[in-house]
Amino acid sequence: MSDSTATAPGSSAPRREIIAWAFYDFANSGYTTVVLTTIYSAYFVGVVAAGMEDRNPGTATLLWTLAIGLSNLLVLVSAPIIGAISDVRASKKRFLLLSSMLCITATALLAGVEPGQVVPALVLLCCSAVAFALGENLIAAFLPEIARSDQMGRISGYGWGLGYFGGLLTLACCLGYIHYSETRDLGPDHYVPVCLLLTAVIFAVACTQTFIWLRERALPRSLPTGQGYISAGLGQVLDTLRHTSHLPDLFRFLLCMVLFQAGVSTVVVLAAIYAQEVMHFNSRQLIVLIMLVNLTAALGAFAFGFAQDRFGSIPSLAGALSVWILAIAIALQASTDADVWIAGNLIGLAMGATQAGARGLVGRLTPPARNGEIFGLWGLANRAAAILGPISYGIINRVGGGDHQLSLISTLTFFVLGLALLLTVNERRGRRDALRYRQPGAG
């Protein structure tokens, strides 16, 4: 079989192509901020499923987390297979286009769901979330092809940082329209659908240059006799899992990611609900808060990318997780708006650092010929985390009769456990093992 990358190990892609790659993060971040984090999550609990919430406190939050969990379960099952098939067929870019189109379309259709239509809302939410997550995996799989090993942290940071500015742009457009609507006494059932349409349009326009300029460097491989793409893809994934002893630090870090990303995922999909239900923030306050968090997250992603390349991934990630722990502790005892703003800024800095750092470290620990497959497993770890964290929060919230502060304790626990496991990962040894994995007889 041919090596899957055409870029020489000591070179990186042209600047224009790197920018086009990073712009996909800019494009899809509006979906995260508007649908999963800020506007639609709070709208679903407070408007779409308000009747259920009034009858049984905690039910709407539980339904939201279950839908997120189901979406991530579907991605968990499909992502490694799609990643492996994209390696065999050299078709990451094609799969990325299809997933982007599905996410954009489902987001636009979500705008047509009216208050009380819980089932259509959950179905479209699942479709958009699955497509979004698959797109994240596929764009990440290009990273080892366009960046040298010593640049991966920096370039990953560019992507995440630019992504947060994309989220800021989308939120700013939404905030402007919300202000316009409120001056005319129009409520959330009017302006939230328009915000969803704005999100879909910005995603579609901003990702265009990614598909124009980003090259597919992977080379197609020959299929074993008698095998189809799915069986070959599954076989490749199973082969990698059977050889975890050759890549112990990669797989230990993926397990570490499941833990701390469970905390990150919980904050992403429940932060607005927490601020609305516990601190009684309104729509404007929520948007301004998340805009500020996006700004600090962009700074964190850019700064961490350089820190990761200079000081190493493990010490830098450990510092970021420590900031997460401090931020969640502040949020737990928050009694004033000022406490929320302080916690939010710390969360922003930590979020940008951990997301950029995790992707960069996985790139460093990945055998070059297995980019699509390993980043499929990276996506699997993220999706497992996105099931574990939010559903834990939702179940605790439902059992506790809507007690969000009790639920947040589980989020804090995930960060503490993730930090403990991170300290057992050896980055230098993991990079050496990844390079040896390419050689004949290594796997």
Protein backbone atom coordinates (compact mmCIF):
# COMPACT_ATOMS: atom_id res chain seq x y z
CA MET A 1 0.00 0.00 0.00
CA SER A 2 1.12 3.54 -0.67
CA ASP A 3 1.96 6.01 2.07
CA SER A 4 -1.06 8.21 2.65
CA THR A 5 0.78 11.52 2.65
CA ALA A 6 2.49 13.21 -0.25
CA THR A 7 4.09 15.99 1.81
CA ALA A 8 7.70 15.48 2.77
CA PRO A 9 8.27 15.03 6.52
CA GLY A 10 10.36 18.19 6.81
CA SER A 11 8.01 20.47 4.88
CA SER A 12 4.62 22.06 5.41
CA ALA A 13 1.83 23.11 3.08
CA PRO A 14 1.72 26.60 1.48
CA ARG A 15 0.39 29.35 3.73
CA ARG A 16 -2.74 29.78 1.60
CA GLU A 17 -3.64 26.14 2.13
CA ILE A 18 -3.03 26.30 5.87
CA ILE A 19 -5.31 29.34 6.09
CA ALA A 20 -7.96 27.49 4.05
CA TRP A 21 -7.69 24.55 6.46
CA ALA A 22 -7.98 26.83 9.50
CA PHE A 23 -10.97 28.63 7.96
CA TYR A 24 -13.06 25.49 8.32
CA ASP A 25 -12.82 25.97 12.09
CA PHE A 26 -13.93 29.57 11.51
CA ALA A 27 -16.89 28.33 9.46
CA ASN A 28 -18.27 25.61 11.71
CA SER A 29 -17.74 27.34 15.07
CA GLY A 30 -20.93 29.34 14.63
CA TYR A 31 -22.86 26.06 14.81
CA THR A 32 -21.29 25.18 18.15
CA THR A 33 -21.82 28.59 19.71
CA VAL A 34 -25.37 29.17 18.49
CA VAL A 35 -26.92 25.69 18.44
CA LEU A 36 -25.06 23.69 21.09
CA THR A 37 -23.82 26.32 23.52
CA THR A 38 -25.72 29.58 23.64
CA ILE A 39 -28.99 30.30 21.88
CA TYR A 40 -30.69 27.08 20.88
CA SER A 41 -29.79 25.04 23.98
CA ALA A 42 -31.44 27.61 26.26
CA TYR A 43 -34.31 28.06 23.76
CA PHE A 44 -34.99 24.32 23.70
CA VAL A 45 -35.21 24.08 27.50
CA GLY A 46 -37.03 27.40 27.99
CA VAL A 47 -39.39 27.39 24.98
CA VAL A 48 -39.53 24.25 22.83
CA ALA A 49 -39.76 21.81 25.77
CA ALA A 50 -41.05 24.31 28.37
CA GLY A 51 -44.27 22.35 28.97
CA MET A 52 -42.35 19.21 29.90
CA GLU A 53 -40.01 21.19 32.12
CA ASP A 54 -42.90 22.79 34.01
CA ARG A 55 -44.50 19.40 34.70
CA ASN A 56 -41.26 17.60 35.62
CA PRO A 57 -38.27 19.83 36.47
CA GLY A 58 -35.08 18.56 34.87
CA THR A 59 -36.87 16.72 32.02
CA ALA A 60 -35.99 19.21 29.28
CA THR A 61 -32.34 19.30 30.33
CA LEU A 62 -32.26 15.49 30.39
CA LEU A 63 -33.80 15.30 26.89
CA TRP A 64 -31.22 17.78 25.61
CA THR A 65 -28.32 15.78 27.05
CA LEU A 66 -29.78 12.47 25.80
CA ALA A 67 -30.05 13.87 22.27
CA ILE A 68 -26.44 15.05 22.44
CA GLY A 69 -25.47 11.64 23.82
CA LEU A 70 -27.28 9.75 21.06
CA SER A 71 -25.67 11.94 18.41
CA ASN A 72 -22.25 11.23 19.78
CA LEU A 73 -22.98 7.52 20.05
CA LEU A 74 -23.76 7.47 16.32
CA VAL A 75 -20.52 9.31 15.61
CA LEU A 76 -18.60 7.02 17.96
CA VAL A 77 -19.70 4.01 15.91
CA SER A 78 -19.25 5.55 12.45
CA ALA A 79 -16.23 7.88 12.76
CA PRO A 80 -13.43 5.28 12.90
CA ILE A 81 -14.95 3.45 9.92
CA ILE A 82 -15.32 6.64 7.89
CA GLY A 83 -11.79 7.66 8.85
CA ALA A 84 -10.38 4.32 7.75
CA ILE A 85 -12.36 4.35 4.49
CA SER A 86 -11.13 7.87 3.79
CA ASP A 87 -7.57 6.57 4.16
CA VAL A 88 -8.19 3.69 1.75
CA ARG A 89 -10.04 5.82 -0.82
CA ALA A 90 -8.10 9.07 -0.23
CA SER A 91 -11.46 10.80 0.13
CA LYS A 92 -11.34 12.87 3.32
CA LYS A 93 -12.26 16.02 1.39
CA ARG A 94 -15.31 14.39 -0.21
CA PHE A 95 -16.61 13.13 3.13
CA LEU A 96 -15.93 16.56 4.64
CA LEU A 97 -18.08 18.22 1.96
CA LEU A 98 -20.98 15.81 2.54
CA SER A 99 -20.90 16.23 6.32
CA SER A 100 -20.79 20.03 5.97
CA MET A 101 -23.80 20.06 3.65
CA LEU A 102 -25.80 17.87 6.06
CA CYS A 103 -24.97 20.05 9.09
CA ILE A 104 -25.85 23.27 7.24
CA THR A 105 -29.13 21.84 5.94
CA ALA A 106 -30.24 20.40 9.30
CA THR A 107 -29.43 23.69 11.05
CA ALA A 108 -31.53 25.63 8.54
CA LEU A 109 -34.44 23.17 8.91
CA LEU A 110 -34.23 23.51 12.70
CA ALA A 111 -35.37 27.10 12.23
CA GLY A 112 -38.78 25.79 11.15
CA VAL A 113 -39.44 23.88 14.39
CA GLU A 114 -42.07 25.59 16.54
CA PRO A 115 -42.49 25.67 20.36
CA GLY A 116 -43.82 22.34 21.62
CA GLN A 117 -42.47 20.33 18.65
CA VAL A 118 -39.97 18.45 20.78
CA VAL A 119 -39.48 15.37 18.59
CA PRO A 120 -38.69 17.23 15.31
CA ALA A 121 -36.32 19.48 17.26
CA LEU A 122 -34.45 16.49 18.70
CA VAL A 123 -34.27 14.67 15.35
CA LEU A 124 -32.82 17.69 13.53
CA LEU A 125 -30.50 18.41 16.45
CA CYS A 126 -29.12 14.86 16.22
CA CYS A 127 -28.65 15.09 12.44
CA SER A 128 -26.79 18.39 12.64
CA ALA A 129 -24.67 17.31 15.61
CA VAL A 130 -23.62 14.04 13.93
CA ALA A 131 -22.64 15.84 10.74
CA PHE A 132 -20.78 18.54 12.67
CA ALA A 133 -18.77 15.98 14.66
CA LEU A 134 -17.83 13.97 11.56
CA GLY A 135 -16.66 17.17 9.92
CA GLU A 136 -14.47 17.95 12.93
CA ASN A 137 -12.80 14.55 12.67
CA LEU A 138 -12.19 14.85 8.94
CA ILE A 139 -10.73 18.36 9.00
CA ALA A 140 -8.45 17.33 11.88
CA ALA A 141 -7.14 14.41 9.82
CA PHE A 142 -5.59 16.90 7.37
CA LEU A 143 -3.36 18.40 10.09
CA PRO A 144 -0.45 15.91 9.86
CA GLU A 145 -0.47 16.35 6.07
CA ILE A 146 -0.13 20.14 6.06
CA ALA A 147 2.16 20.72 9.08
CA ARG A 148 5.55 19.51 10.25
CA SER A 149 5.65 17.84 13.65
CA ASP A 150 7.23 20.91 15.27
CA GLN A 151 4.45 23.12 13.85
CA MET A 152 1.38 21.05 14.69
CA GLY A 153 0.63 22.74 17.99
CA ARG A 154 0.95 26.19 16.43
CA ILE A 155 -1.14 25.44 13.34
CA SER A 156 -3.77 23.61 15.38
CA GLY A 157 -3.88 26.72 17.57
CA TYR A 158 -4.39 28.90 14.49
CA GLY A 159 -7.40 26.79 13.56
CA TRP A 160 -9.00 26.83 16.99
CA GLY A 161 -8.22 30.53 17.46
CA LEU A 162 -9.68 31.47 14.09
CA GLY A 163 -12.65 29.24 14.92
CA TYR A 164 -13.46 31.26 18.01
CA PHE A 165 -13.49 34.42 15.92
CA GLY A 166 -15.93 32.67 13.60
CA GLY A 167 -18.12 31.99 16.61
CA LEU A 168 -17.81 35.64 17.60
CA LEU A 169 -18.90 36.81 14.15
CA THR A 170 -21.96 34.55 14.18
CA LEU A 171 -22.91 35.57 17.71
CA ALA A 172 -22.47 39.26 16.86
CA CYS A 173 -24.86 38.89 13.91
CA CYS A 174 -27.34 37.09 16.15
CA LEU A 175 -27.02 39.68 18.90
CA GLY A 176 -27.71 42.46 16.40
CA TYR A 177 -30.85 40.73 15.19
CA ILE A 178 -32.03 39.97 18.74
CA HIS A 179 -31.65 43.65 19.63
CA TYR A 180 -33.60 44.60 16.49
CA SER A 181 -36.37 42.11 17.38
CA GLU A 182 -36.67 43.14 21.02
CA THR A 183 -37.07 46.81 20.09
CA ARG A 184 -40.12 45.69 18.12
CA ASP A 185 -41.45 43.49 20.94
CA LEU A 186 -40.66 40.25 19.05
CA GLY A 187 -39.82 37.29 21.29
CA PRO A 188 -37.49 34.26 21.08
CA ASP A 189 -39.94 32.31 18.91
CA HIS A 190 -39.26 34.95 16.23
CA TYR A 191 -35.55 35.74 16.55
CA VAL A 192 -34.13 32.29 17.39
CA PRO A 193 -35.19 30.77 14.01
CA VAL A 194 -33.56 33.72 12.22
CA CYS A 195 -30.38 33.18 14.25
CA LEU A 196 -30.33 29.54 13.09
CA LEU A 197 -30.63 30.64 9.45
CA LEU A 198 -27.83 33.17 9.93
CA THR A 199 -25.66 30.40 11.39
CA ALA A 200 -26.31 28.11 8.41
CA VAL A 201 -25.53 30.84 5.88
CA ILE A 202 -22.28 31.91 7.58
CA PHE A 203 -21.15 28.27 7.78
CA ALA A 204 -21.85 27.72 4.08
CA VAL A 205 -20.11 30.91 2.91
CA ALA A 206 -17.07 30.69 5.19
CA CYS A 207 -16.19 27.05 4.43
CA THR A 208 -16.10 27.64 0.66
CA GLN A 209 -12.40 28.47 0.51
CA THR A 210 -11.57 25.27 2.40
CA PHE A 211 -12.97 23.21 -0.45
CA ILE A 212 -11.30 25.41 -3.06
CA TRP A 213 -7.75 25.48 -1.70
CA LEU A 214 -7.24 22.52 0.65
CA ARG A 215 -5.58 19.62 -1.17
CA GLU A 216 -6.23 15.92 -0.66
CA ARG A 217 -2.65 14.65 -0.28
CA ALA A 218 -3.59 11.08 0.58
CA LEU A 219 -3.04 8.47 -2.12
CA PRO A 220 -5.56 5.68 -2.76
CA ARG A 221 -4.60 2.23 -1.56
CA SER A 222 -5.29 -1.19 -3.00
CA LEU A 223 -8.00 -3.20 -1.29
CA PRO A 224 -7.22 -6.77 -0.21
CA THR A 225 -8.78 -9.34 -2.52
CA GLY A 226 -12.39 -10.07 -1.65
CA GLN A 227 -12.83 -7.11 0.69
CA GLY A 228 -15.06 -4.07 0.33
CA TYR A 229 -14.37 -0.60 1.68
CA ILE A 230 -16.29 -1.10 4.92
CA SER A 231 -14.69 -4.45 5.77
CA ALA A 232 -11.26 -3.09 4.86
CA GLY A 233 -11.87 0.02 6.94
CA LEU A 234 -13.03 -2.01 9.93
CA GLY A 235 -10.07 -4.33 9.53
CA GLN A 236 -7.66 -1.40 9.54
CA VAL A 237 -9.18 0.03 12.72
CA LEU A 238 -9.14 -3.37 14.43
CA ASP A 239 -5.52 -3.84 13.34
CA THR A 240 -4.58 -0.56 14.99
CA LEU A 241 -6.46 -1.47 18.18
CA ARG A 242 -4.68 -4.85 18.27
CA HIS A 243 -1.37 -3.03 18.19
CA THR A 244 -2.02 -0.62 21.04
CA SER A 245 1.16 -1.97 22.68
CA HIS A 246 3.13 -0.27 19.87
CA LEU A 247 1.49 3.09 20.61
CA PRO A 248 0.90 3.07 24.39
CA ASP A 249 1.18 6.81 24.91
CA LEU A 250 -1.22 7.60 22.06
CA PHE A 251 -3.90 5.32 23.46
CA ARG A 252 -3.29 6.45 27.03
CA PHE A 253 -3.75 10.04 25.90
CA LEU A 254 -6.94 9.12 24.03
CA LEU A 255 -8.29 7.67 27.29
CA CYS A 256 -7.17 10.82 29.11
CA MET A 257 -9.07 12.83 26.50
CA VAL A 258 -12.25 10.90 27.22
CA LEU A 259 -12.05 12.12 30.81
CA PHE A 260 -11.22 15.79 30.42
CA GLN A 261 -13.24 16.20 27.23
CA ALA A 262 -16.26 14.84 29.14
CA GLY A 263 -15.92 17.98 31.24
CA VAL A 264 -15.35 20.23 28.23
CA SER A 265 -18.34 18.76 26.36
CA THR A 266 -20.58 19.29 29.38
CA VAL A 267 -19.63 22.96 29.60
CA VAL A 268 -20.12 23.46 25.84
CA VAL A 269 -23.67 22.10 25.72
CA LEU A 270 -24.90 23.18 29.17
CA ALA A 271 -23.17 26.48 30.00
CA ALA A 272 -26.05 28.61 28.72
CA ILE A 273 -28.62 26.42 30.46
CA TYR A 274 -26.68 26.72 33.74
CA ALA A 275 -26.38 30.51 33.43
CA GLN A 276 -30.07 30.82 32.50
CA GLU A 277 -31.49 28.47 35.13
CA VAL A 278 -29.12 29.17 38.05
CA MET A 279 -28.00 32.78 37.53
CA HIS A 280 -31.10 33.90 35.55
CA PHE A 281 -29.17 35.36 32.60
CA ASN A 282 -31.33 36.60 29.70
CA SER A 283 -30.58 36.05 25.99
CA ARG A 284 -28.46 39.17 25.62
CA GLN A 285 -26.39 38.41 28.71
CA LEU A 286 -25.83 34.85 27.51
CA ILE A 287 -24.65 35.96 24.08
CA VAL A 288 -22.33 38.65 25.46
CA LEU A 289 -20.91 36.13 27.96
CA ILE A 290 -20.24 33.52 25.27
CA MET A 291 -18.78 36.18 22.95
CA LEU A 292 -16.33 37.13 25.66
CA VAL A 293 -15.57 33.46 26.32
CA ASN A 294 -14.89 32.99 22.58
CA LEU A 295 -12.51 35.94 22.60
CA THR A 296 -10.52 34.64 25.56
CA ALA A 297 -10.64 31.13 24.04
CA ALA A 298 -9.11 32.48 20.82
CA LEU A 299 -6.32 34.08 22.82
CA GLY A 300 -5.85 30.85 24.74
CA ALA A 301 -5.69 28.78 21.54
CA PHE A 302 -3.14 31.06 19.86
CA ALA A 303 -0.96 31.37 22.96
CA PHE A 304 -1.14 27.69 23.77
CA GLY A 305 -0.13 26.69 20.24
CA PHE A 306 3.21 28.49 20.72
CA ALA A 307 3.59 27.25 24.30
CA GLN A 308 2.95 23.67 23.19
CA ASP A 309 5.66 23.81 20.51
CA ARG A 310 8.12 25.49 22.89
CA PHE A 311 7.55 23.76 26.22
CA GLY A 312 5.91 20.50 25.21
CA SER A 313 2.31 19.35 25.13
CA ILE A 314 2.08 17.60 28.48
CA PRO A 315 3.19 20.48 30.76
CA SER A 316 1.09 22.95 28.77
CA LEU A 317 -2.03 20.77 28.85
CA ALA A 318 -1.57 20.15 32.56
CA GLY A 319 -1.57 23.90 33.12
CA ALA A 320 -4.73 24.30 31.03
CA LEU A 321 -6.55 21.56 32.96
CA SER A 322 -5.58 23.24 36.23
CA VAL A 323 -7.25 26.44 34.98
CA TRP A 324 -10.37 24.38 34.13
CA ILE A 325 -10.50 23.03 37.67
CA LEU A 326 -10.22 26.54 39.12
CA ALA A 327 -12.92 27.89 36.78
CA ILE A 328 -15.43 25.13 37.63
CA ALA A 329 -14.75 25.62 41.35
CA ILE A 330 -15.57 29.33 41.00
CA ALA A 331 -18.74 28.54 39.02
CA LEU A 332 -19.87 26.10 41.71
CA GLN A 333 -19.87 28.76 44.42
CA ALA A 334 -20.99 31.64 42.16
CA SER A 335 -23.47 33.95 43.88
CA THR A 336 -23.11 37.10 41.74
CA ASP A 337 -22.88 37.91 38.04
CA ALA A 338 -19.24 38.89 38.60
CA ASP A 339 -18.44 35.32 39.66
CA VAL A 340 -19.91 34.02 36.40
CA TRP A 341 -17.89 36.49 34.32
CA ILE A 342 -14.65 35.48 36.10
CA ALA A 343 -15.37 31.78 35.66
CA GLY A 344 -16.36 32.35 32.02
CA ASN A 345 -13.09 34.10 31.16
CA LEU A 346 -11.05 31.35 32.79
CA ILE A 347 -13.10 28.73 30.94
CA GLY A 348 -12.41 30.55 27.67
CA LEU A 349 -8.65 30.57 28.19
CA ALA A 350 -8.65 26.91 29.25
CA MET A 351 -10.99 25.76 26.48
CA GLY A 352 -8.90 27.26 23.69
CA ALA A 353 -5.77 25.71 25.16
CA THR A 354 -7.13 22.20 25.74
CA GLN A 355 -8.87 21.89 22.37
CA ALA A 356 -5.90 23.15 20.37
CA GLY A 357 -3.47 21.17 22.49
CA ALA A 358 -5.29 17.85 22.30
CA ARG A 359 -5.53 17.93 18.50
CA GLY A 360 -1.88 18.94 18.17
CA LEU A 361 -0.66 16.19 20.51
CA VAL A 362 -2.68 13.50 18.74
CA GLY A 363 -1.10 14.69 15.48
CA ARG A 364 2.36 14.28 17.00
CA LEU A 365 1.61 10.78 18.29
CA THR A 366 -0.04 9.55 15.05
CA PRO A 367 1.79 7.27 12.54
CA PRO A 368 1.88 9.30 9.29
CA ALA A 369 0.24 6.57 7.18
CA ARG A 370 -2.78 6.33 9.54
CA ASN A 371 -3.98 9.93 9.73
CA GLY A 372 -7.64 9.41 8.82
CA GLU A 373 -7.92 6.29 10.95
CA ILE A 374 -6.25 7.66 14.11
CA PHE A 375 -8.15 10.92 13.88
CA GLY A 376 -11.26 8.80 13.56
CA LEU A 377 -10.25 7.31 16.91
CA TRP A 378 -9.57 10.85 18.19
CA GLY A 379 -13.13 11.64 17.20
CA LEU A 380 -14.27 8.45 18.92
CA ALA A 381 -12.64 9.63 22.16
CA ASN A 382 -14.29 13.03 21.81
CA ARG A 383 -17.66 11.45 21.14
CA ALA A 384 -17.35 9.03 24.05
CA ALA A 385 -16.60 12.05 26.21
CA ALA A 386 -19.57 13.93 24.77
CA ILE A 387 -21.80 11.01 25.78
CA LEU A 388 -20.34 10.50 29.24
CA GLY A 389 -20.17 14.11 30.40
CA PRO A 390 -23.51 15.65 29.38
CA ILE A 391 -25.57 12.53 30.16
CA SER A 392 -23.97 12.30 33.62
CA TYR A 393 -24.94 15.93 34.15
CA GLY A 394 -28.48 15.37 32.83
CA ILE A 395 -29.14 12.28 34.95
CA ILE A 396 -27.84 13.92 38.13
CA ASN A 397 -29.89 17.01 37.33
CA ARG A 398 -33.08 14.98 36.81
CA VAL A 399 -32.57 12.85 39.94
CA GLY A 400 -31.70 15.98 41.92
CA GLY A 401 -34.91 17.73 40.84
CA GLY A 402 -33.16 20.31 38.65
CA ASP A 403 -30.15 20.95 40.95
CA HIS A 404 -27.55 22.25 38.46
CA GLN A 405 -24.86 22.89 41.06
CA LEU A 406 -24.98 19.26 42.19
CA SER A 407 -24.64 18.22 38.53
CA LEU A 408 -21.60 20.45 38.04
CA ILE A 409 -19.64 18.46 40.63
CA SER A 410 -19.44 15.55 38.16
CA THR A 411 -17.92 17.93 35.60
CA LEU A 412 -15.23 18.98 38.07
CA THR A 413 -14.44 15.31 38.76
CA PHE A 414 -13.79 14.60 35.07
CA PHE A 415 -11.16 17.36 34.90
CA VAL A 416 -9.37 16.14 38.03
CA LEU A 417 -9.21 12.55 36.74
CA GLY A 418 -8.08 13.71 33.29
CA LEU A 419 -5.22 15.72 34.78
CA ALA A 420 -4.07 12.73 36.84
CA LEU A 421 -3.96 10.44 33.78
CA LEU A 422 -2.31 13.07 31.57
CA LEU A 423 0.74 13.09 33.83
CA THR A 424 1.40 9.44 32.91
CA VAL A 425 1.78 10.19 29.15
CA ASN A 426 5.32 10.45 27.74
CA GLU A 427 5.27 12.67 24.65
CA ARG A 428 8.83 11.98 23.47
CA ARG A 429 8.41 8.22 23.68
CA GLY A 430 5.01 8.46 21.97
CA ARG A 431 6.46 10.42 19.03
CA ARG A 432 9.27 7.90 18.64
CA ASP A 433 6.79 5.00 18.64
CA ALA A 434 4.65 6.73 16.01
CA LEU A 435 7.61 7.08 13.63
CA ARG A 436 8.66 3.46 14.17
CA TYR A 437 5.11 2.29 13.44
CA ARG A 438 5.63 3.21 9.78
CA GLN A 439 8.54 0.84 9.34
CA PRO A 440 8.11 -2.70 8.02
CA GLY A 441 7.30 -5.10 10.79
CA ALA A 442 6.15 -2.39 13.19
CA GLY A 443 2.46 -3.01 12.71
